[in-house]
Protein backbone atom coordinates (compact mmCIF):
# COMPACT_ATOMS: atom_id res chain seq x y z
CA MET A 1 -15.64 7.53 -24.20
CA PRO A 2 -14.85 4.53 -21.70
CA THR A 3 -13.34 5.31 -18.52
CA PHE A 4 -9.69 4.58 -19.19
CA PRO A 5 -9.28 8.30 -18.61
CA ALA A 6 -11.83 7.92 -16.08
CA ARG A 7 -14.83 10.08 -16.30
CA ARG A 8 -17.83 7.91 -14.83
CA ALA A 9 -18.80 4.63 -14.01
CA VAL A 10 -20.01 3.34 -17.38
CA LEU A 11 -19.83 -0.43 -16.77
CA ALA A 12 -22.10 -2.53 -14.57
CA LEU A 13 -18.93 -4.33 -13.55
CA PRO A 14 -17.56 -3.98 -10.09
CA ALA A 15 -13.79 -3.77 -11.17
CA VAL A 16 -14.60 -0.30 -13.00
CA ILE A 17 -15.40 1.50 -9.78
CA GLY A 18 -11.93 1.68 -8.61
CA LEU A 19 -10.57 3.76 -11.51
CA VAL A 20 -8.94 6.83 -10.68
CA ALA A 21 -9.95 9.98 -12.48
CA LEU A 22 -7.03 11.30 -14.39
CA GLY A 23 -6.47 15.01 -14.94
CA ALA A 24 -7.02 18.05 -12.54
CA CYS A 25 -10.41 18.17 -10.47
CA GLY A 26 -10.88 21.95 -10.81
CA THR A 27 -12.09 24.27 -13.39
CA THR A 28 -10.26 26.80 -15.51
CA GLU A 29 -12.31 29.49 -16.54
CA GLY A 30 -10.30 31.42 -19.32
CA PRO A 31 -11.58 34.23 -21.65
CA ALA A 32 -14.31 33.24 -24.20
CA ALA A 33 -12.98 32.30 -27.53
CA SER A 34 -13.84 34.17 -30.36
CA GLN A 35 -16.94 33.60 -32.32
CA PRO A 36 -16.67 30.75 -34.78
CA THR A 37 -17.72 31.65 -38.51
CA THR A 38 -18.23 28.13 -39.68
CA ALA A 39 -21.80 27.49 -39.59
CA ALA A 40 -23.92 28.99 -42.25
CA ALA A 41 -26.52 31.68 -41.61
CA ALA A 42 -29.64 30.12 -41.97
CA GLY A 43 -33.23 29.71 -40.36
CA PRO A 44 -34.35 27.54 -37.47
CA VAL A 45 -33.04 23.90 -37.18
CA THR A 46 -34.74 21.13 -35.17
CA VAL A 47 -33.16 17.77 -34.11
CA THR A 48 -34.44 14.97 -31.76
CA ASP A 49 -31.68 13.92 -29.38
CA ALA A 50 -30.99 10.67 -27.43
CA ARG A 51 -33.54 11.64 -25.04
CA GLY A 52 -36.21 11.60 -27.60
CA LYS A 53 -36.30 15.33 -27.25
CA ALA A 54 -36.91 17.79 -30.08
CA VAL A 55 -34.64 20.82 -29.59
CA THR A 56 -35.33 23.80 -31.87
CA LEU A 57 -32.43 26.41 -32.38
CA PRO A 58 -33.42 29.88 -33.91
CA ALA A 59 -30.23 29.19 -36.23
CA PRO A 60 -27.44 26.91 -36.63
CA ALA A 61 -25.23 26.96 -33.58
CA ALA A 62 -21.84 28.64 -33.66
CA ARG A 63 -20.94 28.73 -30.40
CA VAL A 64 -20.60 25.49 -28.94
CA VAL A 65 -19.58 23.77 -25.86
CA ALA A 66 -18.78 19.91 -25.58
CA THR A 67 -18.72 18.14 -22.08
CA GLU A 68 -17.22 15.04 -23.69
CA TRP A 69 -14.26 14.56 -25.98
CA ALA A 70 -16.00 12.57 -28.46
CA GLU A 71 -18.31 15.18 -29.41
CA ALA A 72 -15.53 17.97 -29.04
CA GLU A 73 -13.63 16.08 -31.86
CA GLN A 74 -16.72 15.94 -33.80
CA LEU A 75 -17.20 19.62 -33.83
CA VAL A 76 -13.69 20.23 -35.13
CA THR A 77 -14.07 17.79 -37.96
CA LEU A 78 -17.32 19.66 -38.66
CA GLY A 79 -15.57 22.94 -38.76
CA VAL A 80 -17.00 24.13 -35.59
CA SER A 81 -14.37 25.10 -33.19
CA PRO A 82 -15.84 24.49 -29.71
CA VAL A 83 -15.94 27.58 -27.48
CA GLY A 84 -15.62 25.39 -24.44
CA VAL A 85 -14.56 21.71 -23.67
CA ALA A 86 -14.26 19.76 -20.35
CA ASP A 87 -10.73 18.90 -19.71
CA PRO A 88 -8.76 19.77 -23.00
CA LYS A 89 -5.78 19.02 -21.53
CA GLY A 90 -6.87 15.51 -20.84
CA TYR A 91 -8.10 15.33 -24.44
CA ALA A 92 -4.56 16.33 -25.86
CA THR A 93 -3.17 13.29 -24.16
CA TRP A 94 -5.58 10.70 -25.38
CA ALA A 95 -6.72 12.16 -28.74
CA SER A 96 -4.95 13.43 -31.84
CA ALA A 97 -7.08 12.95 -34.81
CA GLU A 98 -8.41 16.51 -34.35
CA LYS A 99 -6.67 19.16 -32.24
CA LEU A 100 -8.70 21.73 -30.24
CA PRO A 101 -8.47 25.26 -30.95
CA ALA A 102 -5.87 27.13 -28.65
CA THR A 103 -8.67 29.37 -27.58
CA VAL A 104 -10.55 26.87 -26.17
CA THR A 105 -12.14 27.60 -22.54
CA ASP A 106 -11.69 24.55 -19.95
CA VAL A 107 -15.20 24.28 -18.41
CA GLY A 108 -14.01 21.67 -15.66
CA THR A 109 -13.78 18.02 -15.52
CA ARG A 110 -15.92 15.47 -17.61
CA THR A 111 -16.85 14.31 -14.14
CA GLU A 112 -17.56 17.45 -12.93
CA PRO A 113 -18.37 20.26 -15.43
CA SER A 114 -19.05 23.57 -14.15
CA VAL A 115 -22.45 25.23 -15.31
CA ASP A 116 -21.12 28.72 -14.47
CA ALA A 117 -18.22 28.29 -16.65
CA ILE A 118 -20.40 27.14 -19.39
CA VAL A 119 -23.04 29.59 -19.25
CA ALA A 120 -20.25 32.20 -18.95
CA LEU A 121 -19.33 31.57 -22.54
CA LYS A 122 -22.80 32.46 -23.74
CA PRO A 123 -22.99 29.34 -26.10
CA ASP A 124 -25.53 28.79 -28.62
CA LEU A 125 -25.50 25.13 -27.73
CA VAL A 126 -24.26 22.63 -25.46
CA VAL A 127 -23.49 19.11 -26.52
CA VAL A 128 -23.85 16.63 -23.65
CA GLU A 129 -23.38 12.47 -23.80
CA LYS A 130 -25.89 10.66 -22.53
CA GLY A 131 -25.15 8.74 -18.92
CA THR A 132 -22.55 11.35 -18.13
CA ALA A 133 -22.21 13.72 -15.13
CA ALA A 134 -23.26 16.74 -17.70
CA GLU A 135 -26.71 15.00 -18.07
CA SER A 136 -27.68 15.47 -14.51
CA LEU A 137 -26.92 19.20 -14.89
CA LEU A 138 -29.21 19.38 -17.88
CA PRO A 139 -31.86 21.05 -15.79
CA GLN A 140 -29.59 23.66 -14.58
CA LEU A 141 -28.00 24.22 -18.08
CA GLU A 142 -31.16 24.38 -20.12
CA LYS A 143 -32.36 27.29 -17.93
CA TYR A 144 -29.89 29.48 -19.75
CA VAL A 145 -28.81 27.59 -22.92
CA PRO A 146 -30.24 24.71 -25.26
CA ALA A 147 -28.70 21.49 -25.18
CA ILE A 148 -28.64 18.32 -26.90
CA VAL A 149 -27.77 14.79 -25.87
CA THR A 150 -25.79 12.24 -27.99
CA THR A 151 -25.84 8.43 -27.36
CA GLY A 152 -22.30 8.18 -26.81
CA SER A 153 -22.09 4.54 -27.24
CA ASP A 154 -24.39 1.53 -28.10
CA ALA A 155 -22.94 -1.98 -28.30
CA THR A 156 -25.90 -3.21 -30.49
CA ARG A 157 -25.11 -0.59 -33.14
CA ASN A 158 -22.28 1.24 -32.61
CA MET A 159 -21.10 2.32 -36.06
CA THR A 160 -24.70 3.33 -36.90
CA ARG A 161 -24.92 5.16 -33.53
CA LEU A 162 -21.64 6.92 -34.63
CA ARG A 163 -23.20 8.07 -37.60
CA ASP A 164 -26.52 9.28 -35.99
CA ASP A 165 -24.63 11.37 -33.10
CA PHE A 166 -22.45 12.86 -35.92
CA THR A 167 -25.14 13.88 -38.18
CA MET A 168 -27.31 15.28 -35.33
CA ILE A 169 -24.45 17.50 -34.32
CA ALA A 170 -23.99 18.58 -38.15
CA THR A 171 -27.71 19.35 -38.31
CA ALA A 172 -27.48 21.44 -35.25
CA THR A 173 -24.44 23.45 -36.39
CA GLY A 174 -25.44 23.66 -40.06
CA THR A 175 -22.62 21.55 -41.40
CA THR A 176 -24.43 18.50 -43.01
CA ALA A 177 -22.45 18.66 -46.01
CA ARG A 178 -19.24 18.41 -44.11
CA ALA A 179 -20.72 15.61 -42.23
CA THR A 180 -21.65 13.74 -45.64
CA ALA A 181 -18.07 14.10 -46.85
CA ALA A 182 -16.56 13.22 -43.57
CA LEU A 183 -18.58 9.85 -43.34
CA ALA A 184 -17.84 9.18 -47.00
CA GLU A 185 -14.10 9.36 -46.19
CA MET A 186 -14.47 7.13 -43.36
CA ASP A 187 -16.10 4.29 -45.41
CA LYS A 188 -13.62 4.61 -47.94
CA THR A 189 -10.79 4.44 -45.47
CA ILE A 190 -12.32 1.32 -43.78
CA ALA A 191 -12.90 -0.21 -47.43
CA ASP A 192 -9.45 0.25 -48.69
CA ALA A 193 -8.11 -1.12 -44.96
CA LYS A 194 -10.10 -4.22 -45.67
CA ALA A 195 -8.84 -4.94 -49.14
CA ALA A 196 -5.25 -4.09 -47.66
CA ILE A 197 -5.59 -6.72 -44.89
CA ALA A 198 -7.13 -9.21 -47.25
CA ALA A 199 -4.20 -8.56 -49.82
CA LYS A 200 -1.74 -9.67 -46.84
CA GLY A 201 -3.66 -12.62 -45.93
CA LYS A 202 -4.41 -11.34 -42.51
CA ALA A 203 -8.24 -11.52 -42.84
CA GLY A 204 -9.83 -13.20 -39.77
CA THR A 205 -6.92 -12.39 -37.46
CA PRO A 206 -8.47 -12.12 -33.94
CA LEU A 207 -8.21 -8.78 -32.11
CA VAL A 208 -8.61 -7.40 -28.75
CA VAL A 209 -7.90 -3.97 -27.67
CA THR A 210 -7.43 -3.42 -23.84
CA PHE A 211 -6.29 -0.78 -20.89
CA ALA A 212 -4.61 -2.11 -17.74
CA TYR A 213 -4.83 -0.24 -14.41
CA GLU A 214 -4.17 -1.07 -10.84
CA GLN A 215 -6.97 -2.19 -8.53
CA GLY A 216 -6.31 -3.50 -5.08
CA GLY A 217 -2.75 -3.74 -5.76
CA ALA A 218 -3.27 -5.90 -8.81
CA PRO A 219 -3.37 -5.48 -12.54
CA ALA A 220 -7.25 -5.27 -13.83
CA ILE A 221 -7.64 -5.30 -17.67
CA ARG A 222 -10.48 -3.62 -19.64
CA VAL A 223 -11.00 -5.57 -22.71
CA SER A 224 -13.07 -5.05 -25.88
CA GLY A 225 -15.53 -7.48 -26.99
CA LYS A 226 -18.54 -7.53 -29.43
CA GLY A 227 -20.12 -4.39 -30.15
CA SER A 228 -17.42 -2.26 -28.78
CA LEU A 229 -16.59 0.52 -31.31
CA VAL A 230 -12.83 -0.64 -31.53
CA GLN A 231 -14.04 -4.32 -32.43
CA ASP A 232 -16.48 -2.91 -34.83
CA LEU A 233 -13.90 -0.92 -36.62
CA GLY A 234 -11.74 -4.15 -36.57
CA GLU A 235 -14.50 -6.40 -37.92
CA GLY A 236 -15.18 -3.82 -40.48
CA ILE A 237 -11.67 -4.30 -42.07
CA GLY A 238 -11.80 -8.02 -41.80
CA LEU A 239 -10.55 -8.95 -38.53
CA THR A 240 -12.38 -10.84 -35.87
CA THR A 241 -13.30 -10.07 -32.10
CA ALA A 242 -11.10 -12.29 -29.86
CA TRP A 243 -12.79 -11.70 -26.51
CA THR A 244 -16.15 -13.47 -26.13
CA GLY A 245 -16.37 -13.09 -22.35
CA GLU A 246 -18.92 -10.71 -20.36
CA VAL A 247 -19.20 -7.29 -21.54
CA ASP A 248 -21.51 -4.28 -20.87
CA LYS A 249 -24.35 -3.41 -23.25
CA GLY A 250 -23.19 0.05 -23.65
CA TRP A 251 -19.83 0.22 -24.41
CA GLY A 252 -19.06 -3.55 -25.30
CA LEU A 253 -16.32 -3.67 -22.60
CA GLY A 254 -15.38 -6.05 -20.01
CA VAL A 255 -12.93 -6.51 -17.12
CA THR A 256 -10.86 -9.31 -16.29
CA ASP A 257 -7.56 -10.26 -14.47
CA VAL A 258 -4.65 -11.88 -16.06
CA GLU A 259 -5.78 -15.43 -15.34
CA GLY A 260 -8.76 -14.38 -17.18
CA LEU A 261 -6.71 -13.77 -20.52
CA LYS A 262 -6.01 -17.54 -20.77
CA VAL A 263 -9.28 -17.95 -22.83
CA LEU A 264 -7.45 -16.19 -25.52
CA THR A 265 -5.51 -19.13 -26.80
CA ASP A 266 -4.73 -18.33 -30.50
CA PRO A 267 -1.18 -17.11 -30.84
CA ASN A 268 -2.16 -15.00 -33.69
CA THR A 269 -4.29 -12.76 -31.39
CA GLN A 270 -3.41 -9.44 -31.93
CA PHE A 271 -3.42 -7.91 -28.06
CA LEU A 272 -3.15 -4.02 -28.42
CA TYR A 273 -3.54 -1.65 -25.48
CA PHE A 274 -3.75 2.16 -24.66
CA ALA A 275 -1.23 3.71 -22.38
CA SER A 276 -1.06 7.34 -23.59
CA ASP A 277 -0.74 8.56 -20.01
CA GLY A 278 2.48 7.01 -19.56
CA THR A 279 1.17 4.18 -17.10
CA ASP A 280 2.30 0.94 -19.04
CA LEU A 281 1.38 -2.18 -16.58
CA PHE A 282 2.23 -4.56 -19.45
CA THR A 283 5.85 -3.55 -19.44
CA SER A 284 6.37 -3.14 -15.96
CA THR A 285 4.04 -4.99 -13.38
CA LEU A 286 3.13 -7.67 -15.94
CA ALA A 287 6.47 -8.16 -17.51
CA GLY A 288 7.56 -10.66 -14.83
CA ASN A 289 4.23 -12.50 -14.33
CA PRO A 290 4.47 -16.17 -15.20
CA ILE A 291 1.05 -16.28 -16.24
CA TRP A 292 1.29 -13.23 -18.65
CA THR A 293 4.66 -14.36 -20.07
CA GLN A 294 3.30 -17.70 -20.98
CA LEU A 295 0.02 -16.62 -22.86
CA PRO A 296 0.17 -17.84 -26.39
CA PHE A 297 -0.09 -14.41 -27.99
CA VAL A 298 2.57 -12.93 -25.65
CA LYS A 299 5.00 -15.80 -26.56
CA ALA A 300 4.16 -15.29 -30.18
CA GLY A 301 5.04 -11.31 -29.82
CA ASN A 302 1.62 -10.09 -30.80
CA VAL A 303 1.40 -7.52 -28.02
CA GLY A 304 1.34 -3.93 -28.87
CA LYS A 305 1.11 -0.54 -27.32
CA LEU A 306 -1.05 1.74 -29.48
CA PRO A 307 0.47 4.99 -30.48
CA ASP A 308 0.08 7.85 -27.89
CA ALA A 309 -3.05 9.85 -28.59
CA VAL A 310 -4.55 7.57 -31.19
CA TRP A 311 -8.13 6.94 -29.63
CA ALA A 312 -11.14 4.91 -31.09
CA TYR A 313 -13.99 6.25 -28.95
CA GLY A 314 -14.62 9.45 -30.95
CA GLY A 315 -15.85 10.39 -34.29
CA PRO A 316 -14.84 9.58 -37.94
CA ALA A 317 -11.74 11.11 -37.56
CA SER A 318 -10.47 8.91 -34.69
CA ALA A 319 -11.86 5.83 -36.31
CA GLU A 320 -9.90 6.68 -39.46
CA GLN A 321 -6.75 7.19 -37.37
CA PHE A 322 -7.46 3.83 -35.52
CA VAL A 323 -7.99 1.85 -38.49
CA GLY A 324 -4.79 3.10 -39.98
CA VAL A 325 -2.88 1.88 -37.07
CA LEU A 326 -4.36 -1.58 -37.48
CA VAL A 327 -3.48 -1.48 -41.31
CA ASP A 328 0.36 -0.67 -40.48
CA ARG A 329 0.39 -3.55 -37.87
CA MET A 330 -1.28 -6.11 -39.84
CA THR A 331 0.48 -5.32 -43.06
CA GLY A 332 3.81 -4.46 -41.60
CA ALA A 333 3.54 -1.09 -43.39
């Protein structure tokens, strides 16, 4: 997931360095959750993860820890209740397509997960995302528990990447039938959404999904470009990507200031933004900014805050939820 709940510097853009992490920095170590029973008894399973490493488990994993929210969500979709998740409170703020079990144990922040808290849960498997703080802890973790690494994001193939990550987790947990069904449902949701938007004559509408934060006393705006998961979903339902400026290769995200938004000249551009934590610079700091108020899409009334805890950087469940929001907005539902 990108850093608008800050978790790490995922972009090679200087402006991102200034993000302030959300949520507590400490680790809450609660009692271990009860043993999930969703993974079917079976023999050994082997997956090849994002490192290119073949990981063999003696049986499908039932007790699983996720150090990032996307993978935590995917586990729930697959019917596997994670026993540990990094910053579950933050998850509840930003994501709602799948709810974490009340028994889940907090294993630290995403920028600083606790090896001790993870190991204490005696998991069968830890799911780690490439490029995160948890990946650097693998030499310690793998002394005690098997781990697999997901790709997390790839702006050259994000929808395929989502499928690959989800299917790998399903294979490791013995839930491939659930994965197949969930992916088919996501595909149908996207196809139905595309038809609904076309029927309303809204195909081709420019879309940009953003997040604003303070940097050096001025608003900085993270913009989604070609290859970001949100824009891939938008294009999948017939919209177009409005932002054509520089973006990073992993997440397809860029950073600009208000002046930089002048390149978005089409008044029909749908400018949507995340503000689930209650920090909304678009209705506070920017409300009286003369550059902002004169932008064509602002004057046309095409700025919209995404509903709280609707998040499109997860798995199939979040993807479907986000697509539903886009359809409602584009069709007036």
